[in-house]
Amino acid sequence: MSNNNAAVVEIAQTASKFTSSIVLHSENKYIDVKSILGLFTTLVSSHSYELHVHGPDAEEAKEAIIEVFKKHGLHISVAN
């Protein structure tokens, strides 16, 4: 779990490079991935997250966020 802080920071930093809206959906919560505080309070490695990305650079943003999640061993699926 000590890796969680590194994951939160890297996810938020990665997300901030994109103009698209990047939101995680987990257990009836929607988390703005660009919000470090939102991630800190909700990111748990045992949970599974659904990624919602909308905007001009959505494809690149999805790929980048998925990479960071995989790197940190977090489960993520992409919403259609």
N, C-alpha and C. Protein backbone atom coordinates (compact mmCIF):
# COMPACT_ATOMS: atom_id res chain seq x y z
N MET A 1 0.81 -1.21 0.00
CA MET A 1 0.00 0.00 0.00
C MET A 1 0.85 1.26 0.00
N SER A 2 2.11 1.19 0.40
CA SER A 2 2.96 2.38 0.43
C SER A 2 3.16 2.94 -0.97
N ASN A 3 2.97 2.09 -1.96
CA ASN A 3 3.08 2.54 -3.35
C ASN A 3 1.91 3.41 -3.77
N ASN A 4 0.84 3.38 -2.98
CA ASN A 4 -0.37 4.11 -3.33
C ASN A 4 -0.11 5.60 -3.54
N ASN A 5 0.70 6.21 -2.66
CA ASN A 5 0.98 7.63 -2.80
C ASN A 5 1.65 7.92 -4.13
N ALA A 6 2.61 7.10 -4.50
CA ALA A 6 3.29 7.28 -5.78
C ALA A 6 2.31 7.13 -6.93
N ALA A 7 1.39 6.18 -6.82
CA ALA A 7 0.40 5.95 -7.86
C ALA A 7 -0.51 7.16 -7.99
N VAL A 8 -0.98 7.69 -6.87
CA VAL A 8 -1.88 8.85 -6.89
C VAL A 8 -1.21 10.04 -7.58
N VAL A 9 0.02 10.33 -7.18
CA VAL A 9 0.73 11.47 -7.74
C VAL A 9 0.96 11.27 -9.24
N GLU A 10 1.39 10.08 -9.62
CA GLU A 10 1.67 9.84 -11.04
C GLU A 10 0.40 9.87 -11.89
N ILE A 11 -0.70 9.34 -11.36
CA ILE A 11 -1.97 9.36 -12.10
C ILE A 11 -2.42 10.81 -12.31
N ALA A 12 -2.38 11.61 -11.24
CA ALA A 12 -2.81 13.01 -11.34
C ALA A 12 -1.91 13.80 -12.29
N GLN A 13 -0.59 13.57 -12.20
CA GLN A 13 0.34 14.28 -13.08
C GLN A 13 0.13 13.89 -14.53
N THR A 14 -0.10 12.62 -14.77
CA THR A 14 -0.35 12.14 -16.13
C THR A 14 -1.63 12.75 -16.67
N ALA A 15 -2.69 12.73 -15.87
CA ALA A 15 -3.98 13.25 -16.29
C ALA A 15 -3.91 14.75 -16.61
N SER A 16 -3.10 15.47 -15.85
CA SER A 16 -3.05 16.92 -16.03
C SER A 16 -2.40 17.33 -17.36
N LYS A 17 -1.76 16.39 -18.04
CA LYS A 17 -1.16 16.69 -19.35
C LYS A 17 -2.20 16.76 -20.46
N PHE A 18 -3.43 16.30 -20.17
CA PHE A 18 -4.46 16.21 -21.19
C PHE A 18 -5.58 17.21 -20.93
N THR A 19 -6.22 17.67 -22.00
CA THR A 19 -7.35 18.59 -21.85
C THR A 19 -8.66 17.84 -21.64
N SER A 20 -8.69 16.57 -21.99
CA SER A 20 -9.91 15.77 -21.84
C SER A 20 -10.34 15.65 -20.38
N SER A 21 -11.62 15.44 -20.19
CA SER A 21 -12.17 15.13 -18.87
C SER A 21 -11.83 13.66 -18.60
N ILE A 22 -11.20 13.39 -17.47
CA ILE A 22 -10.80 12.02 -17.12
C ILE A 22 -11.38 11.71 -15.75
N VAL A 23 -12.31 10.76 -15.73
CA VAL A 23 -13.03 10.45 -14.49
C VAL A 23 -13.00 8.95 -14.24
N LEU A 24 -12.81 8.58 -12.98
CA LEU A 24 -12.89 7.18 -12.57
C LEU A 24 -14.24 6.96 -11.91
N HIS A 25 -14.83 5.82 -12.20
CA HIS A 25 -16.09 5.46 -11.55
C HIS A 25 -15.81 4.22 -10.72
N SER A 26 -16.14 4.30 -9.44
CA SER A 26 -15.95 3.16 -8.56
C SER A 26 -16.96 3.22 -7.43
N GLU A 27 -17.71 2.14 -7.25
CA GLU A 27 -18.65 2.03 -6.13
C GLU A 27 -19.52 3.28 -5.99
N ASN A 28 -20.22 3.65 -7.04
CA ASN A 28 -21.13 4.79 -7.03
C ASN A 28 -20.46 6.14 -6.82
N LYS A 29 -19.15 6.21 -6.97
CA LYS A 29 -18.43 7.47 -6.83
C LYS A 29 -17.79 7.81 -8.17
N TYR A 30 -17.75 9.10 -8.46
CA TYR A 30 -17.01 9.57 -9.63
C TYR A 30 -15.86 10.42 -9.13
N ILE A 31 -14.67 10.11 -9.56
CA ILE A 31 -13.48 10.81 -9.10
C ILE A 31 -12.80 11.49 -10.27
N ASP A 32 -12.59 12.80 -10.15
CA ASP A 32 -11.82 13.52 -11.17
C ASP A 32 -10.36 13.10 -10.99
N VAL A 33 -9.79 12.50 -12.02
CA VAL A 33 -8.44 11.96 -11.92
C VAL A 33 -7.40 13.07 -11.77
N LYS A 34 -7.75 14.29 -12.13
CA LYS A 34 -6.81 15.40 -11.99
C LYS A 34 -6.77 15.94 -10.56
N SER A 35 -7.66 15.45 -9.69
CA SER A 35 -7.72 15.88 -8.30
C SER A 35 -6.94 14.92 -7.42
N ILE A 36 -5.79 15.37 -6.94
CA ILE A 36 -4.96 14.51 -6.09
C ILE A 36 -5.73 14.15 -4.82
N LEU A 37 -6.44 15.11 -4.24
CA LEU A 37 -7.20 14.85 -3.02
C LEU A 37 -8.28 13.80 -3.26
N GLY A 38 -8.99 13.92 -4.38
CA GLY A 38 -10.02 12.94 -4.70
C GLY A 38 -9.45 11.54 -4.84
N LEU A 39 -8.28 11.46 -5.48
CA LEU A 39 -7.63 10.16 -5.66
C LEU A 39 -7.16 9.60 -4.31
N PHE A 40 -6.56 10.43 -3.47
CA PHE A 40 -6.05 9.97 -2.19
C PHE A 40 -7.16 9.34 -1.35
N THR A 41 -8.36 9.92 -1.41
CA THR A 41 -9.43 9.43 -0.55
C THR A 41 -10.14 8.20 -1.13
N THR A 42 -9.91 7.89 -2.40
CA THR A 42 -10.67 6.79 -3.00
C THR A 42 -9.84 5.69 -3.64
N LEU A 43 -8.58 5.95 -3.90
CA LEU A 43 -7.78 4.96 -4.62
C LEU A 43 -7.34 3.83 -3.69
N VAL A 44 -7.87 2.64 -3.93
CA VAL A 44 -7.52 1.47 -3.13
C VAL A 44 -7.17 0.35 -4.12
N SER A 45 -6.05 -0.29 -3.90
CA SER A 45 -5.57 -1.26 -4.88
C SER A 45 -6.50 -2.46 -5.07
N SER A 46 -7.35 -2.73 -4.08
CA SER A 46 -8.24 -3.89 -4.20
C SER A 46 -9.49 -3.58 -5.01
N HIS A 47 -9.74 -2.31 -5.27
CA HIS A 47 -10.94 -1.94 -6.03
C HIS A 47 -10.69 -2.01 -7.52
N SER A 48 -11.78 -2.10 -8.26
CA SER A 48 -11.70 -2.04 -9.70
C SER A 48 -12.33 -0.73 -10.14
N TYR A 49 -11.74 -0.09 -11.11
CA TYR A 49 -12.20 1.22 -11.54
C TYR A 49 -12.59 1.20 -13.00
N GLU A 50 -13.56 2.04 -13.33
CA GLU A 50 -13.98 2.19 -14.71
C GLU A 50 -13.56 3.59 -15.15
N LEU A 51 -12.87 3.67 -16.27
CA LEU A 51 -12.32 4.93 -16.76
C LEU A 51 -13.25 5.56 -17.79
N HIS A 52 -13.59 6.82 -17.57
CA HIS A 52 -14.41 7.59 -18.52
C HIS A 52 -13.57 8.77 -18.99
N VAL A 53 -13.32 8.85 -20.29
CA VAL A 53 -12.53 9.95 -20.83
C VAL A 53 -13.28 10.57 -21.99
N HIS A 54 -13.45 11.89 -21.94
CA HIS A 54 -14.14 12.62 -23.00
C HIS A 54 -13.37 13.87 -23.34
N GLY A 55 -13.09 14.07 -24.61
CA GLY A 55 -12.41 15.28 -25.02
C GLY A 55 -11.56 15.06 -26.25
N PRO A 56 -10.87 16.12 -26.68
CA PRO A 56 -10.13 16.09 -27.94
C PRO A 56 -8.94 15.12 -27.95
N ASP A 57 -8.35 14.86 -26.78
CA ASP A 57 -7.19 13.95 -26.74
C ASP A 57 -7.53 12.70 -25.93
N ALA A 58 -8.78 12.28 -26.01
CA ALA A 58 -9.27 11.17 -25.19
C ALA A 58 -8.50 9.87 -25.40
N GLU A 59 -8.21 9.53 -26.65
CA GLU A 59 -7.51 8.26 -26.90
C GLU A 59 -6.13 8.24 -26.25
N GLU A 60 -5.38 9.32 -26.42
CA GLU A 60 -4.04 9.39 -25.83
C GLU A 60 -4.14 9.37 -24.31
N ALA A 61 -5.12 10.08 -23.78
CA ALA A 61 -5.29 10.14 -22.33
C ALA A 61 -5.61 8.76 -21.77
N LYS A 62 -6.52 8.03 -22.44
CA LYS A 62 -6.88 6.68 -21.99
C LYS A 62 -5.64 5.80 -21.92
N GLU A 63 -4.86 5.80 -23.00
CA GLU A 63 -3.67 4.95 -23.04
C GLU A 63 -2.70 5.30 -21.92
N ALA A 64 -2.48 6.58 -21.70
CA ALA A 64 -1.52 7.02 -20.68
C ALA A 64 -1.99 6.63 -19.28
N ILE A 65 -3.26 6.83 -18.98
CA ILE A 65 -3.79 6.51 -17.65
C ILE A 65 -3.77 5.00 -17.42
N ILE A 66 -4.14 4.22 -18.43
CA ILE A 66 -4.12 2.77 -18.31
C ILE A 66 -2.70 2.28 -18.01
N GLU A 67 -1.71 2.86 -18.69
CA GLU A 67 -0.32 2.49 -18.44
C GLU A 67 0.07 2.71 -16.98
N VAL A 68 -0.30 3.87 -16.43
CA VAL A 68 0.05 4.20 -15.05
C VAL A 68 -0.65 3.24 -14.09
N PHE A 69 -1.92 2.94 -14.34
CA PHE A 69 -2.65 2.00 -13.49
C PHE A 69 -1.98 0.63 -13.51
N LYS A 70 -1.63 0.15 -14.70
CA LYS A 70 -0.98 -1.16 -14.81
C LYS A 70 0.36 -1.16 -14.09
N LYS A 71 1.11 -0.09 -14.26
CA LYS A 71 2.44 0.02 -13.64
C LYS A 71 2.35 -0.14 -12.13
N HIS A 72 1.27 0.39 -11.55
CA HIS A 72 1.10 0.35 -10.10
C HIS A 72 0.21 -0.82 -9.64
N GLY A 73 -0.11 -1.71 -10.55
CA GLY A 73 -0.88 -2.91 -10.19
C GLY A 73 -2.32 -2.63 -9.83
N LEU A 74 -2.89 -1.56 -10.38
CA LEU A 74 -4.29 -1.21 -10.10
C LEU A 74 -5.17 -1.70 -11.23
N HIS A 75 -6.39 -2.10 -10.89
CA HIS A 75 -7.32 -2.65 -11.87
C HIS A 75 -8.15 -1.54 -12.49
N ILE A 76 -8.23 -1.53 -13.80
CA ILE A 76 -9.01 -0.51 -14.49
C ILE A 76 -9.63 -1.09 -15.75
N SER A 77 -10.85 -0.65 -16.03
CA SER A 77 -11.48 -1.02 -17.30
C SER A 77 -11.94 0.30 -17.94
N VAL A 78 -12.12 0.29 -19.23
CA VAL A 78 -12.51 1.51 -19.94
C VAL A 78 -13.98 1.44 -20.30
N ALA A 79 -14.69 2.50 -19.94
CA ALA A 79 -16.12 2.58 -20.28
C ALA A 79 -16.26 2.83 -21.78
N ASN A 80 -17.30 2.29 -22.37
CA ASN A 80 -17.51 2.48 -23.81
C ASN A 80 -18.15 3.83 -24.09
